[in-house]
Amino acid sequence: MASFISQVVLLLTIFFGLQSFSVASFNFQVGGTKGWIVPPPNDTDTYNDWASNNRFRVGDSIHFRYKKDSVMEVSGGDYKDCNATHPTFFSNNGNTLFRLDHSGTFYFISGASGHCEKGQKMIVRVMVDESLHDHAKSSGYHDAISPIGVFEMVLLLFVLECVASYVI
């Protein structure tokens, strides 16, 4: 009997442990070795090209390294107009780590005068978490929801079958 209970406890521990398992997040270096700088005049899309070549997920971070500059998260309209008067996020410490905490679009611009107009701006699109239910995706609900997967369901059925065969 003790052996059976130990097995059930072990299986339940594995089951609930898998529920909290998450994929590792990544830290992306904006601008690579050059960092967050004003791009050359012939390459004003450099940051958007870089961002579009990466796949960002909820929980990832983007790291801005810069000197005598700043980084701001702004609205889509403020991004388009290079308007730095109403940022939702601002940092000027030269070493900014920004966590992508939800799916959707993030707009970043330089807060230094004239830099955004010269192309120092970037759009980051964070992918929707595929583990969300279709209803949750369409309603804009993006909290951490993890529906029971096939493995977890099989494990649960196995545990229930073991309990039932022991009781009966």
N, C-alpha and C. Protein backbone atom coordinates (compact mmCIF):
# COMPACT_ATOMS: atom_id res chain seq x y z
N MET A 1 0.82 -1.20 0.00
CA MET A 1 0.00 0.00 0.00
C MET A 1 0.86 1.26 0.00
N ALA A 2 1.91 1.26 0.82
CA ALA A 2 2.79 2.43 0.87
C ALA A 2 3.46 2.67 -0.47
N SER A 3 3.82 1.59 -1.15
CA SER A 3 4.46 1.70 -2.46
C SER A 3 3.51 2.34 -3.47
N PHE A 4 2.24 1.93 -3.43
CA PHE A 4 1.25 2.48 -4.35
C PHE A 4 1.05 3.98 -4.10
N ILE A 5 0.94 4.36 -2.85
CA ILE A 5 0.75 5.77 -2.50
C ILE A 5 1.97 6.58 -2.92
N SER A 6 3.16 6.02 -2.75
CA SER A 6 4.38 6.70 -3.19
C SER A 6 4.37 6.93 -4.70
N GLN A 7 3.91 5.93 -5.45
CA GLN A 7 3.85 6.06 -6.90
C GLN A 7 2.85 7.14 -7.31
N VAL A 8 1.69 7.17 -6.65
CA VAL A 8 0.68 8.19 -6.96
C VAL A 8 1.22 9.58 -6.65
N VAL A 9 1.86 9.74 -5.50
CA VAL A 9 2.44 11.04 -5.13
C VAL A 9 3.49 11.46 -6.15
N LEU A 10 4.34 10.53 -6.56
CA LEU A 10 5.36 10.84 -7.57
C LEU A 10 4.72 11.28 -8.89
N LEU A 11 3.72 10.55 -9.35
CA LEU A 11 3.06 10.89 -10.61
C LEU A 11 2.36 12.24 -10.51
N LEU A 12 1.72 12.52 -9.40
CA LEU A 12 1.06 13.82 -9.23
C LEU A 12 2.08 14.95 -9.18
N THR A 13 3.22 14.70 -8.56
CA THR A 13 4.28 15.70 -8.52
C THR A 13 4.78 15.99 -9.94
N ILE A 14 4.98 14.96 -10.73
CA ILE A 14 5.40 15.14 -12.12
C ILE A 14 4.34 15.90 -12.90
N PHE A 15 3.09 15.51 -12.72
CA PHE A 15 1.98 16.14 -13.44
C PHE A 15 1.92 17.64 -13.15
N PHE A 16 1.93 18.01 -11.87
CA PHE A 16 1.82 19.43 -11.52
C PHE A 16 3.12 20.18 -11.83
N GLY A 17 4.23 19.48 -11.81
CA GLY A 17 5.49 20.10 -12.21
C GLY A 17 5.50 20.47 -13.67
N LEU A 18 4.91 19.62 -14.51
CA LEU A 18 4.83 19.91 -15.94
C LEU A 18 3.92 21.09 -16.22
N GLN A 19 2.92 21.29 -15.38
CA GLN A 19 2.01 22.42 -15.59
C GLN A 19 2.73 23.76 -15.45
N SER A 20 3.74 23.81 -14.60
CA SER A 20 4.44 25.08 -14.39
C SER A 20 5.69 25.21 -15.25
N PHE A 21 6.00 24.18 -16.06
CA PHE A 21 7.16 24.21 -16.92
C PHE A 21 6.99 25.28 -17.99
N SER A 22 8.01 26.08 -18.21
CA SER A 22 7.93 27.10 -19.25
C SER A 22 9.21 27.09 -20.09
N VAL A 23 9.07 27.57 -21.30
CA VAL A 23 10.20 27.65 -22.21
C VAL A 23 11.11 28.79 -21.76
N ALA A 24 12.40 28.60 -21.87
CA ALA A 24 13.35 29.62 -21.46
C ALA A 24 13.15 30.89 -22.28
N SER A 25 13.36 32.02 -21.64
CA SER A 25 13.25 33.29 -22.36
C SER A 25 14.64 33.69 -22.86
N PHE A 26 14.65 34.60 -23.81
CA PHE A 26 15.90 35.04 -24.41
C PHE A 26 16.11 36.52 -24.17
N ASN A 27 17.37 36.91 -24.20
CA ASN A 27 17.76 38.31 -24.06
C ASN A 27 18.37 38.72 -25.40
N PHE A 28 17.68 39.58 -26.14
CA PHE A 28 18.14 40.03 -27.45
C PHE A 28 18.91 41.34 -27.30
N GLN A 29 20.06 41.43 -27.96
CA GLN A 29 20.89 42.64 -27.93
C GLN A 29 20.51 43.53 -29.12
N VAL A 30 19.85 44.63 -28.84
CA VAL A 30 19.43 45.54 -29.92
C VAL A 30 20.66 46.15 -30.58
N GLY A 31 20.72 46.03 -31.90
CA GLY A 31 21.83 46.60 -32.66
C GLY A 31 23.09 45.77 -32.64
N GLY A 32 23.04 44.59 -32.05
CA GLY A 32 24.23 43.73 -32.00
C GLY A 32 25.37 44.40 -31.27
N THR A 33 26.57 44.27 -31.81
CA THR A 33 27.76 44.83 -31.13
C THR A 33 27.79 46.36 -31.18
N LYS A 34 27.08 46.96 -32.13
CA LYS A 34 27.05 48.42 -32.23
C LYS A 34 26.14 49.05 -31.18
N GLY A 35 25.11 48.33 -30.79
CA GLY A 35 24.18 48.87 -29.80
C GLY A 35 23.14 49.78 -30.41
N TRP A 36 22.51 50.57 -29.56
CA TRP A 36 21.41 51.48 -29.93
C TRP A 36 22.03 52.81 -30.30
N ILE A 37 22.28 53.00 -31.60
CA ILE A 37 22.92 54.21 -32.12
C ILE A 37 22.10 54.74 -33.30
N VAL A 38 22.40 55.96 -33.71
CA VAL A 38 21.77 56.51 -34.92
C VAL A 38 22.31 55.72 -36.10
N PRO A 39 21.42 55.13 -36.91
CA PRO A 39 21.91 54.35 -38.05
C PRO A 39 22.46 55.24 -39.15
N PRO A 40 23.27 54.67 -40.03
CA PRO A 40 23.78 55.44 -41.17
C PRO A 40 22.62 55.92 -42.05
N PRO A 41 22.77 57.03 -42.74
CA PRO A 41 21.69 57.58 -43.58
C PRO A 41 21.15 56.60 -44.62
N ASN A 42 21.99 55.69 -45.10
CA ASN A 42 21.55 54.74 -46.13
C ASN A 42 20.95 53.46 -45.53
N ASP A 43 20.78 53.42 -44.21
CA ASP A 43 20.28 52.21 -43.55
C ASP A 43 19.33 52.55 -42.40
N THR A 44 18.36 53.42 -42.68
CA THR A 44 17.46 53.88 -41.62
C THR A 44 16.48 52.82 -41.14
N ASP A 45 16.35 51.71 -41.83
CA ASP A 45 15.46 50.63 -41.39
C ASP A 45 16.21 49.53 -40.65
N THR A 46 17.43 49.79 -40.26
CA THR A 46 18.26 48.75 -39.67
C THR A 46 17.63 48.08 -38.45
N TYR A 47 17.00 48.85 -37.57
CA TYR A 47 16.41 48.25 -36.36
C TYR A 47 15.15 47.46 -36.68
N ASN A 48 14.34 47.96 -37.57
CA ASN A 48 13.13 47.20 -37.95
C ASN A 48 13.49 45.95 -38.74
N ASP A 49 14.54 46.02 -39.55
CA ASP A 49 15.01 44.82 -40.24
C ASP A 49 15.49 43.79 -39.23
N TRP A 50 16.25 44.25 -38.24
CA TRP A 50 16.75 43.35 -37.19
C TRP A 50 15.58 42.72 -36.43
N ALA A 51 14.62 43.55 -36.03
CA ALA A 51 13.48 43.04 -35.25
C ALA A 51 12.65 42.05 -36.06
N SER A 52 12.46 42.31 -37.34
CA SER A 52 11.65 41.40 -38.16
C SER A 52 12.36 40.07 -38.42
N ASN A 53 13.67 40.03 -38.24
CA ASN A 53 14.41 38.78 -38.41
C ASN A 53 14.49 37.96 -37.13
N ASN A 54 13.87 38.43 -36.06
CA ASN A 54 13.85 37.71 -34.79
C ASN A 54 12.42 37.35 -34.44
N ARG A 55 12.26 36.32 -33.62
CA ARG A 55 10.95 35.89 -33.15
C ARG A 55 10.90 36.12 -31.65
N PHE A 56 10.14 37.11 -31.26
CA PHE A 56 10.04 37.48 -29.85
C PHE A 56 8.85 36.80 -29.22
N ARG A 57 9.04 36.32 -28.01
CA ARG A 57 7.98 35.66 -27.24
C ARG A 57 7.79 36.38 -25.93
N VAL A 58 6.61 36.20 -25.35
CA VAL A 58 6.33 36.77 -24.04
C VAL A 58 7.37 36.24 -23.06
N GLY A 59 7.96 37.14 -22.28
CA GLY A 59 9.00 36.78 -21.32
C GLY A 59 10.40 37.07 -21.81
N ASP A 60 10.58 37.25 -23.13
CA ASP A 60 11.89 37.63 -23.65
C ASP A 60 12.20 39.06 -23.22
N SER A 61 13.47 39.42 -23.32
CA SER A 61 13.90 40.79 -23.02
C SER A 61 14.71 41.32 -24.19
N ILE A 62 14.65 42.63 -24.35
CA ILE A 62 15.52 43.28 -25.33
C ILE A 62 16.43 44.22 -24.56
N HIS A 63 17.70 44.17 -24.90
CA HIS A 63 18.74 44.90 -24.19
C HIS A 63 19.25 46.03 -25.08
N PHE A 64 19.08 47.26 -24.61
CA PHE A 64 19.56 48.44 -25.33
C PHE A 64 20.86 48.91 -24.65
N ARG A 65 21.95 49.00 -25.43
CA ARG A 65 23.20 49.58 -24.93
C ARG A 65 23.45 50.85 -25.74
N TYR A 66 23.76 51.96 -25.03
CA TYR A 66 23.93 53.23 -25.72
C TYR A 66 24.70 54.20 -24.84
N LYS A 67 25.18 55.29 -25.46
CA LYS A 67 25.87 56.36 -24.75
C LYS A 67 25.22 57.68 -25.13
N LYS A 68 25.02 58.53 -24.14
CA LYS A 68 24.45 59.87 -24.36
C LYS A 68 23.19 59.80 -25.21
N ASP A 69 22.26 58.93 -24.83
CA ASP A 69 21.03 58.72 -25.57
C ASP A 69 19.97 58.23 -24.59
N SER A 70 18.88 57.75 -25.09
CA SER A 70 17.83 57.16 -24.26
C SER A 70 16.97 56.27 -25.13
N VAL A 71 16.11 55.51 -24.48
CA VAL A 71 15.16 54.68 -25.20
C VAL A 71 13.79 54.89 -24.57
N MET A 72 12.78 54.95 -25.43
CA MET A 72 11.41 55.16 -24.98
C MET A 72 10.49 54.17 -25.66
N GLU A 73 9.52 53.68 -24.90
CA GLU A 73 8.42 52.95 -25.53
C GLU A 73 7.30 53.97 -25.69
N VAL A 74 6.73 54.00 -26.88
CA VAL A 74 5.68 54.97 -27.18
C VAL A 74 4.52 54.28 -27.89
N SER A 75 3.46 55.04 -28.13
CA SER A 75 2.32 54.51 -28.88
C SER A 75 2.67 54.44 -30.37
N GLY A 76 1.83 53.76 -31.13
CA GLY A 76 2.04 53.66 -32.57
C GLY A 76 2.04 55.03 -33.25
N GLY A 77 1.13 55.89 -32.83
CA GLY A 77 1.07 57.23 -33.41
C GLY A 77 2.30 58.05 -33.08
N ASP A 78 2.75 57.98 -31.82
CA ASP A 78 3.95 58.71 -31.43
C ASP A 78 5.19 58.15 -32.12
N TYR A 79 5.20 56.85 -32.38
CA TYR A 79 6.30 56.24 -33.14
C TYR A 79 6.35 56.84 -34.55
N LYS A 80 5.20 56.85 -35.20
CA LYS A 80 5.13 57.35 -36.58
C LYS A 80 5.58 58.81 -36.67
N ASP A 81 5.18 59.60 -35.66
CA ASP A 81 5.50 61.03 -35.65
C ASP A 81 6.81 61.37 -34.95
N CYS A 82 7.50 60.35 -34.41
CA CYS A 82 8.71 60.58 -33.60
C CYS A 82 8.42 61.57 -32.46
N ASN A 83 7.30 61.36 -31.80
CA ASN A 83 6.88 62.22 -30.70
C ASN A 83 7.33 61.60 -29.38
N ALA A 84 8.23 62.27 -28.69
CA ALA A 84 8.80 61.75 -27.45
C ALA A 84 8.19 62.39 -26.21
N THR A 85 7.05 63.05 -26.34
CA THR A 85 6.49 63.77 -25.19
C THR A 85 5.64 62.93 -24.26
N HIS A 86 5.17 61.75 -24.68
CA HIS A 86 4.30 60.91 -23.84
C HIS A 86 4.73 59.45 -23.85
N PRO A 87 5.96 59.16 -23.42
CA PRO A 87 6.39 57.76 -23.44
C PRO A 87 5.68 56.94 -22.35
N THR A 88 5.48 55.66 -22.64
CA THR A 88 4.95 54.75 -21.62
C THR A 88 6.10 54.13 -20.84
N PHE A 89 7.31 54.26 -21.37
CA PHE A 89 8.53 53.79 -20.71
C PHE A 89 9.66 54.69 -21.15
N PHE A 90 10.56 55.02 -20.21
CA PHE A 90 11.72 55.86 -20.52
C PHE A 90 12.92 55.37 -19.72
N SER A 91 14.07 55.30 -20.37
CA SER A 91 15.32 54.98 -19.68
C SER A 91 16.46 55.68 -20.38
N ASN A 92 17.39 56.19 -19.58
CA ASN A 92 18.58 56.84 -20.15
C ASN A 92 19.84 56.43 -19.40
N ASN A 93 19.85 55.21 -18.85
CA ASN A 93 21.00 54.77 -18.06
C ASN A 93 22.11 54.14 -18.90
N GLY A 94 21.92 54.01 -20.21
CA GLY A 94 22.94 53.45 -21.10
C GLY A 94 22.95 51.94 -21.19
N ASN A 95 22.16 51.30 -20.35
CA ASN A 95 22.16 49.83 -20.30
C ASN A 95 20.76 49.38 -19.89
N THR A 96 19.82 49.45 -20.82
CA THR A 96 18.41 49.22 -20.52
C THR A 96 17.96 47.84 -20.93
N LEU A 97 17.36 47.14 -19.99
CA LEU A 97 16.78 45.83 -20.25
C LEU A 97 15.26 45.98 -20.17
N PHE A 98 14.59 45.72 -21.29
CA PHE A 98 13.14 45.87 -21.37
C PHE A 98 12.53 44.49 -21.54
N ARG A 99 11.66 44.10 -20.60
CA ARG A 99 11.02 42.78 -20.65
C ARG A 99 9.73 42.88 -21.48
N LEU A 100 9.59 41.97 -22.42
CA LEU A 100 8.39 41.89 -23.26
C LEU A 100 7.37 41.06 -22.50
N ASP A 101 6.46 41.73 -21.80
CA ASP A 101 5.58 41.05 -20.85
C ASP A 101 4.22 40.67 -21.39
N HIS A 102 3.95 40.96 -22.65
CA HIS A 102 2.69 40.54 -23.27
C HIS A 102 2.87 40.46 -24.78
N SER A 103 1.96 39.74 -25.42
CA SER A 103 2.04 39.66 -26.88
C SER A 103 1.51 40.96 -27.46
N GLY A 104 1.88 41.21 -28.70
CA GLY A 104 1.43 42.43 -29.36
C GLY A 104 2.61 43.21 -29.90
N THR A 105 2.37 44.49 -30.17
CA THR A 105 3.37 45.35 -30.80
C THR A 105 3.91 46.37 -29.80
N PHE A 106 5.22 46.49 -29.77
CA PHE A 106 5.91 47.48 -28.95
C PHE A 106 6.61 48.45 -29.90
N TYR A 107 6.53 49.74 -29.58
CA TYR A 107 7.16 50.78 -30.40
C TYR A 107 8.23 51.48 -29.57
N PHE A 108 9.45 51.53 -30.10
CA PHE A 108 10.56 52.16 -29.39
C PHE A 108 11.16 53.26 -30.24
N ILE A 109 11.53 54.35 -29.58
CA ILE A 109 12.23 55.44 -30.26
C ILE A 109 13.35 55.94 -29.35
N SER A 110 14.30 56.61 -29.95
CA SER A 110 15.33 57.31 -29.18
C SER A 110 14.71 58.59 -28.64
N GLY A 111 15.07 58.95 -27.42
CA GLY A 111 14.59 60.20 -26.85
C GLY A 111 15.50 61.37 -27.13
N ALA A 112 16.65 61.13 -27.72
CA ALA A 112 17.58 62.20 -28.05
C ALA A 112 17.04 62.99 -29.25
N SER A 113 17.16 64.28 -29.17
CA SER A 113 16.62 65.16 -30.20
C SER A 113 17.16 64.81 -31.59
N GLY A 114 16.24 64.56 -32.53
CA GLY A 114 16.58 64.31 -33.93
C GLY A 114 16.96 62.87 -34.25
N HIS A 115 17.20 62.03 -33.25
CA HIS A 115 17.64 60.66 -33.52
C HIS A 115 16.54 59.80 -34.14
N CYS A 116 15.33 59.94 -33.64
CA CYS A 116 14.22 59.14 -34.19
C CYS A 116 14.02 59.47 -35.67
N GLU A 117 14.05 60.74 -35.99
CA GLU A 117 13.86 61.17 -37.38
C GLU A 117 14.96 60.62 -38.29
N LYS A 118 16.11 60.31 -37.73
CA LYS A 118 17.22 59.72 -38.50
C LYS A 118 17.17 58.20 -38.54
N GLY A 119 16.09 57.60 -37.99
CA GLY A 119 15.91 56.16 -38.09
C GLY A 119 16.19 55.37 -36.83
N GLN A 120 16.47 56.05 -35.72
CA GLN A 120 16.73 55.32 -34.47
C GLN A 120 15.39 55.05 -33.79
N LYS A 121 14.71 54.07 -34.35
CA LYS A 121 13.40 53.65 -33.85
C LYS A 121 13.18 52.21 -34.28
N MET A 122 12.27 51.54 -33.57
CA MET A 122 12.11 50.11 -33.85
C MET A 122 10.73 49.64 -33.42
N ILE A 123 10.16 48.74 -34.23
CA ILE A 123 8.90 48.07 -33.91
C ILE A 123 9.21 46.62 -33.58
N VAL A 124 8.74 46.16 -32.42
CA VAL A 124 8.93 44.77 -32.00
C VAL A 124 7.57 44.12 -31.89
N ARG A 125 7.41 43.01 -32.58
CA ARG A 125 6.15 42.26 -32.51
C ARG A 125 6.38 40.99 -31.71
N VAL A 126 5.63 40.85 -30.62
CA VAL A 126 5.75 39.68 -29.75
C VAL A 126 4.65 38.70 -30.12
N MET A 127 5.05 37.47 -30.38
CA MET A 127 4.11 36.44 -30.83
C MET A 127 3.09 36.11 -29.75
N VAL A 128 1.90 35.72 -30.21
CA VAL A 128 0.86 35.27 -29.31
C VAL A 128 1.24 33.90 -28.78
N ASP A 129 1.02 33.68 -27.51
CA ASP A 129 1.31 32.39 -26.88
C ASP A 129 0.35 31.35 -27.46
N GLU A 130 0.89 30.38 -28.18
CA GLU A 130 0.07 29.37 -28.85
C GLU A 130 -0.64 28.42 -27.88
N SER A 131 -0.27 28.46 -26.60
CA SER A 131 -0.92 27.57 -25.65
C SER A 131 -2.25 28.13 -25.16
N LEU A 132 -2.56 29.36 -25.56
CA LEU A 132 -3.82 29.96 -25.14
C LEU A 132 -4.98 29.37 -25.92
N HIS A 133 -6.13 29.31 -25.29
CA HIS A 133 -7.34 28.87 -25.99
C HIS A 133 -7.68 29.88 -27.09
N ASP A 134 -8.35 29.43 -28.14
CA ASP A 134 -8.74 30.32 -29.23
C ASP A 134 -9.57 31.48 -28.73
N HIS A 135 -10.48 31.23 -27.81
CA HIS A 135 -11.32 32.31 -27.27
C HIS A 135 -10.46 33.35 -26.56
N ALA A 136 -9.49 32.89 -25.79
CA ALA A 136 -8.64 33.82 -25.06
C ALA A 136 -7.84 34.68 -26.03
N LYS A 137 -7.35 34.08 -27.14
CA LYS A 137 -6.60 34.85 -28.13
C LYS A 137 -7.47 35.93 -28.75
N SER A 138 -8.69 35.57 -29.13
CA SER A 138 -9.54 36.52 -29.84
C SER A 138 -10.06 37.61 -28.93
N SER A 139 -10.14 37.35 -27.63
CA SER A 139 -10.67 38.36 -26.72
C SER A 139 -9.57 39.28 -26.20
N GLY A 140 -8.32 39.03 -26.56
CA GLY A 140 -7.23 39.87 -26.10
C GLY A 140 -6.75 39.51 -24.72
N TYR A 141 -7.17 38.40 -24.18
CA TYR A 141 -6.77 37.97 -22.85
C TYR A 141 -5.45 37.24 -22.95
N HIS A 142 -4.41 37.76 -22.30
CA HIS A 142 -3.08 37.18 -22.47
C HIS A 142 -2.40 36.84 -21.16
N ASP A 143 -3.15 36.47 -20.14
CA ASP A 143 -2.53 35.98 -18.92
C ASP A 143 -2.02 34.58 -19.16
N ALA A 144 -1.18 34.12 -18.26
CA ALA A 144 -0.60 32.79 -18.42
C ALA A 144 -1.65 31.72 -18.16
N ILE A 145 -2.17 31.17 -19.24
CA ILE A 145 -3.13 30.08 -19.16
C ILE A 145 -2.49 28.89 -19.85
N SER A 146 -2.53 27.75 -19.24
CA SER A 146 -1.95 26.58 -19.85
C SER A 146 -2.98 25.46 -19.88
N PRO A 147 -3.63 25.23 -21.02
CA PRO A 147 -4.60 24.14 -21.09
C PRO A 147 -3.88 22.81 -20.93
N ILE A 148 -4.60 21.83 -20.44
CA ILE A 148 -3.99 20.51 -20.24
C ILE A 148 -3.63 19.93 -21.60
N GLY A 149 -2.38 19.54 -21.74
CA GLY A 149 -1.91 18.94 -22.98
C GLY A 149 -2.19 17.44 -23.00
N VAL A 150 -1.85 16.82 -24.10
CA VAL A 150 -2.09 15.39 -24.29
C VAL A 150 -1.34 14.57 -23.24
N PHE A 151 -0.07 14.88 -23.02
CA PHE A 151 0.72 14.11 -22.06
C PHE A 151 0.13 14.21 -20.66
N GLU A 152 -0.24 15.43 -20.26
CA GLU A 152 -0.81 15.62 -18.93
C GLU A 152 -2.13 14.88 -18.79
N MET A 153 -2.94 14.87 -19.86
CA MET A 153 -4.23 14.18 -19.82
C MET A 153 -4.01 12.67 -19.68
N VAL A 154 -3.06 12.12 -20.44
CA VAL A 154 -2.76 10.68 -20.35
C VAL A 154 -2.26 10.35 -18.95
N LEU A 155 -1.39 11.19 -18.41
CA LEU A 155 -0.87 10.96 -17.07
C LEU A 155 -2.00 10.99 -16.04
N LEU A 156 -2.90 11.94 -16.16
CA LEU A 156 -4.04 12.03 -15.24
C LEU A 156 -4.92 10.78 -15.35
N LEU A 157 -5.20 10.33 -16.57
CA LEU A 157 -6.00 9.12 -16.74
C LEU A 157 -5.30 7.90 -16.15
N PHE A 158 -3.99 7.83 -16.29
CA PHE A 158 -3.23 6.73 -15.71
C PHE A 158 -3.35 6.72 -14.19
N VAL A 159 -3.19 7.89 -13.60
CA VAL A 159 -3.30 7.99 -12.14
C VAL A 159 -4.70 7.59 -11.69
N LEU A 160 -5.72 8.08 -12.35
CA LEU A 160 -7.08 7.73 -11.98
C LEU A 160 -7.35 6.24 -12.15
N GLU A 161 -6.81 5.65 -13.22
CA GLU A 161 -6.98 4.23 -13.43
C GLU A 161 -6.28 3.42 -12.33
N CYS A 162 -5.10 3.84 -11.93
CA CYS A 162 -4.38 3.18 -10.84
C CYS A 162 -5.17 3.25 -9.55
N VAL A 163 -5.69 4.43 -9.24
CA VAL A 163 -6.48 4.60 -8.03
C VAL A 163 -7.73 3.73 -8.09
N ALA A 164 -8.38 3.72 -9.23
CA ALA A 164 -9.62 2.94 -9.37
C ALA A 164 -9.34 1.44 -9.25
N SER A 165 -8.23 0.98 -9.85
CA SER A 165 -7.93 -0.46 -9.77
C SER A 165 -7.53 -0.86 -8.36
N TYR A 166 -6.94 0.05 -7.60
CA TYR A 166 -6.56 -0.25 -6.23
C TYR A 166 -7.78 -0.29 -5.32
N VAL A 167 -8.70 0.65 -5.55
CA VAL A 167 -9.92 0.73 -4.71
C VAL A 167 -10.86 -0.42 -5.02
N ILE A 168 -10.97 -0.79 -6.28
CA ILE A 168 -11.93 -1.85 -6.68
C ILE A 168 -11.37 -3.19 -6.48
